[in-house]
Structure formats: C-alpha cells, structure tokens
Amino acid sequence: MTNSIVIADDHPLMLRGLTDFLNSKGFNIIGSASDGKSAYNLIVKEKPEIAILDIRMPHMTGLEVAEACKKNNIDTKIILITFDKEEDLYDQAKVFNVYGYILKEFAIEEIEACIKSVISNTPYFSDEIALYLQNSHRERPKEIDCLTKSELKIVKLISNNKTSQDIADELSISVRTVDKHRSNIVAKLGLDNKPTSLSIWATLNKHFL
C-alpha cells in the first residue's frame, strides 16, 4: 500500500489522538498497537512504509523495534515520538536508521511535516534535536588511545556491522578470541555490558578510527 502507516503508543489517548488526526489529514493508517512487540509483529505482517512509534513502550521500546527492523532488513521507515531529550537516545536513533524523531509536546504540530519529509526519503528531527544531531564537532574520545592496534582493528570492523564470526574469519582468529577482545574493549571504553553498546559506540565514532 502506498504511504501506509502503522502507529504504536502505550498511552490510549495519544494513540487515538494521533490516529484520528492523521486520518483527518488523509493519511493511510493501516494498523495500531499499544506495545512494542505488537507493533513489531504488525510491521512484519503489514510491511507499512512508515511506523510511528513511542520510544518507551512495554515488551519492546521504539528503539528496540527500530533495531529489529534494521537487523532483519525491513524497509519500513521509523519515526519515533518521545518526551525524552537524552543525547544517547538520539545517537541510538541515528545508528538504527530512524528517519524521524519528534518530541511529544510538538507531535501534532510536527507529525504531518515529518511524514511528508520521510516519504520523500528526507530524515526529519524536531528543531531542538536537529541542533544536536547536526553538530559535527564531536571531540575525538580520549579512550581510543587506550586501545591496542588489534583492538582498533576489531572496533573498525564492528563499526562496519561485522559480527564476531565475520571478524574471526577476516582476521583468522577464533570467535572466542574476538569475544575476549570485545570484552576488553568494552572495559577500556567504560561501556555497559548491553549487547549493542559497543556497536553503537563504534558506529558513532567511526570517523575517528
């Protein structure tokens, strides 16, 4: 379906309000969900062009849905709506190829422009967020200097979405050795132990490697 849209939010009033507003504007809303897992299943089943997701939902967050879509090569363009203004969330949104990120307090005012922008393959972020995302003056993390040549090589490969098996094959070492390196890198960089933390860091700092 052309310009088909799925909406997910665990707040019934927000879900209903956004759905009614977009229907009144002539957009093709083909489904809605009140939690992340249901939203992801709906995306897999209906393959909408766009999915508008709240970030904080039960079972799966909007970011986790975006991550699953990227991992499984699902073409649906993700728009996230949120009250959150933490920079690390914006960073993760970039890594997971999120096309739109708007603050809930501006959702009704901005969602129509956001959808039209995304349909034309142009990412759209609320002004308050765009100022941060467009800041190209990120400083080179000093932690990079703590990494060995082997660790740097592995981080570069991780930034190119290589799995531990891919890296092991390319460097002719065992997966166990790669995982040991990864563990050491995570410790040196001061990252948490979430499976995606290192890949997010590597992607965001790719141009410094």
Protein backbone atom coordinates (compact mmCIF):
# COMPACT_ATOMS: atom_id res chain seq x y z
CA MET A 1 0.00 0.00 0.00
CA THR A 2 1.29 3.45 -0.87
CA ASN A 3 2.22 5.61 2.11
CA SER A 4 0.78 3.08 4.55
CA ILE A 5 1.32 3.89 8.22
CA VAL A 6 1.30 1.94 11.50
CA ILE A 7 1.12 3.77 14.85
CA ALA A 8 2.11 2.43 18.27
CA ASP A 9 1.85 4.10 21.68
CA ASP A 10 1.04 2.65 25.09
CA HIS A 11 -0.96 5.76 26.05
CA PRO A 12 -4.51 5.26 24.68
CA LEU A 13 -5.27 8.99 24.42
CA MET A 14 -2.07 9.69 22.48
CA LEU A 15 -2.64 6.71 20.21
CA ARG A 16 -6.24 7.68 19.50
CA GLY A 17 -5.47 11.37 19.11
CA LEU A 18 -2.62 10.81 16.66
CA THR A 19 -4.60 8.23 14.68
CA ASP A 20 -7.68 10.47 14.41
CA PHE A 21 -5.56 13.48 13.45
CA LEU A 22 -3.70 11.65 10.68
CA ASN A 23 -6.90 10.05 9.38
CA SER A 24 -8.44 13.53 9.16
CA LYS A 25 -5.44 14.62 7.09
CA GLY A 26 -5.99 11.77 4.64
CA PHE A 27 -3.09 9.53 5.65
CA ASN A 28 -3.48 5.77 5.22
CA ILE A 29 -3.40 4.32 8.76
CA ILE A 30 -3.48 0.52 8.37
CA GLY A 31 -2.99 -0.53 11.99
CA SER A 32 -2.14 0.44 15.55
CA ALA A 33 -0.62 -1.19 18.60
CA SER A 34 -0.25 -0.42 22.31
CA ASP A 35 3.09 -2.15 22.94
CA GLY A 36 6.38 -2.62 21.13
CA LYS A 37 6.13 -6.36 20.47
CA SER A 38 2.69 -5.99 18.88
CA ALA A 39 3.99 -3.05 16.86
CA TYR A 40 6.92 -5.07 15.53
CA ASN A 41 4.66 -8.02 14.63
CA LEU A 42 2.33 -5.60 12.84
CA ILE A 43 5.26 -4.15 10.89
CA VAL A 44 6.45 -7.62 9.87
CA LYS A 45 2.93 -8.62 8.78
CA GLU A 46 1.74 -5.44 7.05
CA LYS A 47 5.08 -4.04 5.82
CA PRO A 48 3.95 -0.40 6.09
CA GLU A 49 6.02 2.34 4.50
CA ILE A 50 6.15 4.19 7.84
CA ALA A 51 5.85 3.21 11.51
CA ILE A 52 5.27 5.94 14.12
CA LEU A 53 6.44 4.59 17.47
CA ASP A 54 6.58 5.82 21.04
CA ILE A 55 10.07 5.20 22.42
CA ARG A 56 9.01 3.89 25.83
CA MET A 57 6.56 1.02 25.42
CA PRO A 58 6.09 -2.34 27.19
CA HIS A 59 7.78 -5.51 25.84
CA MET A 60 9.87 -3.66 23.24
CA THR A 61 10.83 0.01 23.14
CA GLY A 62 10.52 2.01 19.94
CA LEU A 63 14.31 1.90 19.64
CA GLU A 64 14.32 -1.89 20.01
CA VAL A 65 11.70 -2.14 17.26
CA ALA A 66 13.87 0.10 15.06
CA GLU A 67 16.90 -2.06 15.85
CA ALA A 68 15.00 -5.26 14.95
CA CYS A 69 13.83 -3.72 11.68
CA LYS A 70 17.39 -2.77 10.75
CA LYS A 71 18.76 -6.18 11.75
CA ASN A 72 16.12 -8.00 9.67
CA ASN A 73 16.37 -5.65 6.67
CA ILE A 74 12.79 -4.42 6.98
CA ASP A 75 12.28 -1.36 4.78
CA THR A 76 9.69 0.36 6.98
CA LYS A 77 10.86 3.88 7.87
CA ILE A 78 10.70 4.53 11.60
CA ILE A 79 9.51 7.78 13.21
CA LEU A 80 9.98 7.97 16.99
CA ILE A 81 7.91 10.21 19.26
CA THR A 82 9.07 10.83 22.81
CA PHE A 83 9.35 13.14 25.80
CA ASP A 84 12.99 12.07 26.15
CA LYS A 85 15.74 14.54 25.37
CA GLU A 86 18.76 12.43 26.34
CA GLU A 87 21.56 12.63 23.77
CA ASP A 88 22.30 8.91 23.85
CA LEU A 89 18.78 8.18 22.59
CA TYR A 90 19.36 10.46 19.59
CA ASP A 91 22.64 8.67 18.96
CA GLN A 92 20.94 5.27 19.02
CA ALA A 93 18.21 6.57 16.71
CA LYS A 94 20.90 7.50 14.17
CA VAL A 95 22.57 4.10 14.45
CA PHE A 96 19.27 2.27 13.88
CA ASN A 97 18.44 4.34 10.77
CA VAL A 98 15.48 6.15 12.33
CA TYR A 99 14.04 8.60 9.80
CA GLY A 100 12.16 10.87 12.18
CA TYR A 101 12.46 11.83 15.84
CA ILE A 102 9.97 14.31 17.27
CA LEU A 103 9.16 15.41 20.79
CA LYS A 104 5.68 14.53 22.03
CA GLU A 105 4.89 18.09 23.04
CA PHE A 106 5.21 19.05 19.36
CA ALA A 107 3.83 15.82 17.88
CA ILE A 108 0.54 17.14 16.47
CA GLU A 109 2.22 20.30 15.14
CA GLU A 110 5.11 18.43 13.50
CA ILE A 111 3.90 14.95 12.57
CA GLU A 112 2.36 15.92 9.21
CA ALA A 113 5.54 17.68 8.04
CA CYS A 114 7.61 14.81 9.43
CA ILE A 115 5.67 12.16 7.48
CA LYS A 116 5.85 14.12 4.24
CA SER A 117 9.59 14.55 4.70
CA VAL A 118 10.11 10.85 5.41
CA ILE A 119 8.00 9.83 2.41
CA SER A 120 10.44 11.83 0.26
CA ASN A 121 13.36 9.96 1.93
CA THR A 122 14.48 13.01 3.90
CA PRO A 123 15.07 12.47 7.64
CA TYR A 124 13.15 14.82 9.94
CA PHE A 125 14.04 15.72 13.51
CA SER A 126 12.45 18.27 15.84
CA ASP A 127 14.45 21.51 15.80
CA GLU A 128 15.59 21.01 19.38
CA ILE A 129 17.04 17.64 18.42
CA ALA A 130 18.32 18.65 14.99
CA LEU A 131 20.70 21.18 16.53
CA TYR A 132 22.40 18.36 18.39
CA LEU A 133 22.37 15.89 15.50
CA GLN A 134 23.82 18.41 13.09
CA ASN A 135 26.69 19.20 15.43
CA SER A 136 29.69 17.83 13.60
CA HIS A 137 32.17 18.96 16.24
CA ARG A 138 32.21 15.79 18.30
CA GLU A 139 35.55 15.54 20.05
CA ARG A 140 37.72 12.51 19.50
CA PRO A 141 37.17 10.25 22.53
CA LYS A 142 40.41 10.06 24.51
CA GLU A 143 39.62 6.41 25.33
CA ILE A 144 40.60 5.49 21.75
CA ASP A 145 44.24 5.98 22.72
CA CYS A 146 43.91 3.16 25.27
CA LEU A 147 43.11 0.60 22.58
CA THR A 148 45.79 -1.64 21.05
CA LYS A 149 46.22 -1.95 17.28
CA SER A 150 44.36 -5.27 17.34
CA GLU A 151 41.51 -3.78 19.34
CA LEU A 152 41.27 -0.79 16.99
CA LYS A 153 41.10 -3.14 14.02
CA ILE A 154 38.24 -5.03 15.66
CA VAL A 155 36.36 -1.83 16.55
CA LYS A 156 36.66 -0.68 12.92
CA LEU A 157 35.14 -3.95 11.75
CA ILE A 158 32.37 -3.66 14.34
CA SER A 159 31.61 -0.15 13.03
CA ASN A 160 31.03 -1.78 9.63
CA ASN A 161 28.38 -4.08 11.16
CA LYS A 162 30.64 -7.14 11.19
CA THR A 163 29.66 -9.95 13.57
CA SER A 164 32.14 -11.75 15.82
CA GLN A 165 32.14 -14.63 13.33
CA ASP A 166 32.82 -12.23 10.42
CA ILE A 167 35.71 -10.68 12.35
CA ALA A 168 37.13 -14.08 13.30
CA ASP A 169 37.07 -15.18 9.65
CA GLU A 170 38.63 -11.95 8.39
CA LEU A 171 41.44 -11.88 10.97
CA SER A 172 41.96 -15.67 11.02
CA ILE A 173 41.37 -15.93 14.76
CA SER A 174 38.79 -17.76 16.85
CA VAL A 175 35.39 -16.31 17.80
CA ARG A 176 36.42 -16.80 21.43
CA THR A 177 39.44 -14.55 20.87
CA VAL A 178 37.24 -11.91 19.23
CA ASP A 179 34.82 -12.02 22.16
CA LYS A 180 37.72 -11.67 24.60
CA HIS A 181 38.91 -8.60 22.69
CA ARG A 182 35.38 -7.19 22.71
CA SER A 183 35.15 -7.64 26.47
CA ASN A 184 38.49 -5.84 26.95
CA ILE A 185 37.42 -3.02 24.62
CA VAL A 186 34.13 -2.54 26.48
CA ALA A 187 36.05 -2.30 29.78
CA LYS A 188 38.58 0.20 28.40
CA LEU A 189 35.86 2.40 26.90
CA GLY A 190 33.81 2.28 30.10
CA LEU A 191 30.70 0.99 28.32
CA ASP A 192 27.92 -1.05 29.90
CA ASN A 193 27.50 -4.73 29.04
CA LYS A 194 24.44 -4.40 26.80
CA PRO A 195 24.98 -6.38 23.57
CA THR A 196 24.54 -3.27 21.39
CA SER A 197 26.62 -0.79 23.40
CA LEU A 198 29.92 -1.43 21.60
CA SER A 199 28.38 -1.42 18.11
CA ILE A 200 26.63 1.89 18.86
CA TRP A 201 29.88 3.43 20.16
CA ALA A 202 31.83 2.13 17.16
CA THR A 203 29.30 3.48 14.66
CA LEU A 204 29.13 6.91 16.28
CA ASN A 205 32.92 7.25 16.41
CA LYS A 206 33.66 5.55 13.09
CA HIS A 207 35.34 8.62 11.58
CA PHE A 208 37.86 8.70 14.45
CA LEU A 209 39.02 5.12 13.96
